[in-house]
Amino acid sequence: MWQSYIFGMHWKHDGKLYYDELPAESEAEAAGYFIDHKRDDVSLVRVELIGPNEGGVREFAHSPDSPFSPLIARRRLDVDDDAR
């Protein structure tokens, strides 16, 4: 059975610490995603397991300064990707 977890991502920008949460199957997957998609001026400090992802809609923490580049494409939820 496929299990997804929520991981707390502690990251640093300009000397300040921030926190966001990401769903992933493992700590390594969460860290890899964060590192691959983060801005160049952000560093990952620590990853911690929060608990299982209950499968519902979860609001992610919104830090005052996003760790991700605004140029990264986001999946649109208002369009069905499988519709042909």
C-alpha atoms as a PDB file:
ATOM      1  CA  MET A   1       0.000   0.000   0.000  1.00  0.00           C
ATOM      2  CA  TRP A   2       1.274   3.464  -0.917  1.00  0.00           C
ATOM      3  CA  GLN A   3       1.818   5.675   2.123  1.00  0.00           C
ATOM      4  CA  SER A   4       2.464   9.404   2.101  1.00  0.00           C
ATOM      5  CA  TYR A   5       3.768  11.401   5.041  1.00  0.00           C
ATOM      6  CA  ILE A   6       4.010  15.069   5.943  1.00  0.00           C
ATOM      7  CA  PHE A   7       7.520  16.365   6.573  1.00  0.00           C
ATOM      8  CA  GLY A   8       8.452  19.622   8.265  1.00  0.00           C
ATOM      9  CA  MET A   9      11.075  21.527   6.307  1.00  0.00           C
ATOM     10  CA  HIS A  10      13.189  23.944   8.353  1.00  0.00           C
ATOM     11  CA  TRP A  11      15.043  26.298   6.043  1.00  0.00           C
ATOM     12  CA  LYS A  12      17.136  29.457   6.263  1.00  0.00           C
ATOM     13  CA  HIS A  13      17.131  32.649   4.213  1.00  0.00           C
ATOM     14  CA  ASP A  14      19.117  35.788   4.952  1.00  0.00           C
ATOM     15  CA  GLY A  15      19.939  34.636   8.492  1.00  0.00           C
ATOM     16  CA  LYS A  16      16.307  33.895   9.432  1.00  0.00           C
ATOM     17  CA  LEU A  17      14.798  30.444   9.980  1.00  0.00           C
ATOM     18  CA  TYR A  18      11.495  29.476   8.327  1.00  0.00           C
ATOM     19  CA  TYR A  19       9.235  26.426   8.300  1.00  0.00           C
ATOM     20  CA  ASP A  20       7.043  24.791   5.658  1.00  0.00           C
ATOM     21  CA  GLU A  21       5.505  21.343   5.221  1.00  0.00           C
ATOM     22  CA  LEU A  22       5.703  18.965   2.252  1.00  0.00           C
ATOM     23  CA  PRO A  23       3.990  15.640   1.533  1.00  0.00           C
ATOM     24  CA  ALA A  24       6.332  12.834   0.436  1.00  0.00           C
ATOM     25  CA  GLU A  25       6.831   9.076   0.688  1.00  0.00           C
ATOM     26  CA  SER A  26      10.151   9.393   2.572  1.00  0.00           C
ATOM     27  CA  GLU A  27      12.434  11.903   4.246  1.00  0.00           C
ATOM     28  CA  ALA A  28      14.928  11.519   1.392  1.00  0.00           C
ATOM     29  CA  GLU A  29      12.211  12.273  -1.189  1.00  0.00           C
ATOM     30  CA  ALA A  30      11.078  15.395   0.722  1.00  0.00           C
ATOM     31  CA  ALA A  31      14.656  16.670   1.076  1.00  0.00           C
ATOM     32  CA  GLY A  32      15.430  15.912  -2.569  1.00  0.00           C
ATOM     33  CA  TYR A  33      12.342  17.756  -3.801  1.00  0.00           C
ATOM     34  CA  PHE A  34      13.124  20.772  -1.626  1.00  0.00           C
ATOM     35  CA  ILE A  35      16.779  20.917  -2.704  1.00  0.00           C
ATOM     36  CA  ASP A  36      15.943  20.471  -6.395  1.00  0.00           C
ATOM     37  CA  HIS A  37      13.273  23.204  -6.405  1.00  0.00           C
ATOM     38  CA  LYS A  38      14.534  25.753  -3.872  1.00  0.00           C
ATOM     39  CA  ARG A  39      15.870  29.189  -4.736  1.00  0.00           C
ATOM     40  CA  ASP A  40      19.649  29.631  -4.757  1.00  0.00           C
ATOM     41  CA  ASP A  41      19.598  31.935  -1.716  1.00  0.00           C
ATOM     42  CA  VAL A  42      17.797  29.358   0.499  1.00  0.00           C
ATOM     43  CA  SER A  43      19.429  26.536   2.471  1.00  0.00           C
ATOM     44  CA  LEU A  44      17.764  23.471   3.981  1.00  0.00           C
ATOM     45  CA  VAL A  45      18.489  23.185   7.711  1.00  0.00           C
ATOM     46  CA  ARG A  46      16.493  20.163   8.910  1.00  0.00           C
ATOM     47  CA  VAL A  47      13.755  17.735   7.833  1.00  0.00           C
ATOM     48  CA  GLU A  48      11.462  16.124  10.401  1.00  0.00           C
ATOM     49  CA  LEU A  49       8.602  13.655  10.152  1.00  0.00           C
ATOM     50  CA  ILE A  50       5.284  15.204  11.213  1.00  0.00           C
ATOM     51  CA  GLY A  51       3.051  12.178  10.620  1.00  0.00           C
ATOM     52  CA  PRO A  52       1.038  10.326   7.999  1.00  0.00           C
ATOM     53  CA  ASN A  53      -0.744  12.297   5.318  1.00  0.00           C
ATOM     54  CA  GLU A  54      -4.390  11.565   6.018  1.00  0.00           C
ATOM     55  CA  GLY A  55      -5.336  11.958   2.364  1.00  0.00           C
ATOM     56  CA  GLY A  56      -7.438  15.053   2.874  1.00  0.00           C
ATOM     57  CA  VAL A  57      -6.799  18.518   1.618  1.00  0.00           C
ATOM     58  CA  ARG A  58      -4.060  20.071   3.707  1.00  0.00           C
ATOM     59  CA  GLU A  59      -3.169  23.734   3.867  1.00  0.00           C
ATOM     60  CA  PHE A  60       0.601  24.113   3.733  1.00  0.00           C
ATOM     61  CA  ALA A  61       2.378  26.631   5.939  1.00  0.00           C
ATOM     62  CA  HIS A  62       2.885  29.881   4.091  1.00  0.00           C
ATOM     63  CA  SER A  63       6.138  31.479   5.156  1.00  0.00           C
ATOM     64  CA  PRO A  64       6.600  35.186   4.543  1.00  0.00           C
ATOM     65  CA  ASP A  65       9.338  34.278   2.064  1.00  0.00           C
ATOM     66  CA  SER A  66       8.709  31.301  -0.236  1.00  0.00           C
ATOM     67  CA  PRO A  67      11.679  28.911  -0.587  1.00  0.00           C
ATOM     68  CA  PHE A  68      10.676  28.087  -4.158  1.00  0.00           C
ATOM     69  CA  SER A  69      11.228  30.107  -7.289  1.00  0.00           C
ATOM     70  CA  PRO A  70       8.078  31.833  -8.580  1.00  0.00           C
ATOM     71  CA  LEU A  71       9.027  30.626 -12.063  1.00  0.00           C
ATOM     72  CA  ILE A  72       8.430  26.956 -11.232  1.00  0.00           C
ATOM     73  CA  ALA A  73       5.280  25.769 -13.004  1.00  0.00           C
ATOM     74  CA  ARG A  74       2.456  24.790 -10.704  1.00  0.00           C
ATOM     75  CA  ARG A  75      -0.126  22.148 -11.538  1.00  0.00           C
ATOM     76  CA  ARG A  76      -3.498  23.715 -12.244  1.00  0.00           C
ATOM     77  CA  LEU A  77      -6.264  22.153 -10.196  1.00  0.00           C
ATOM     78  CA  ASP A  78      -9.071  23.686 -12.245  1.00  0.00           C
ATOM     79  CA  VAL A  79      -8.093  21.658 -15.366  1.00  0.00           C
ATOM     80  CA  ASP A  80      -8.464  17.900 -15.614  1.00  0.00           C
ATOM     81  CA  ASP A  81      -5.093  16.670 -16.957  1.00  0.00           C
ATOM     82  CA  ASP A  82      -6.581  13.290 -17.922  1.00  0.00           C
ATOM     83  CA  ALA A  83      -9.428  14.739 -20.014  1.00  0.00           C
ATOM     84  CA  ARG A  84      -8.778  14.265 -23.713  1.00  0.00           C
END
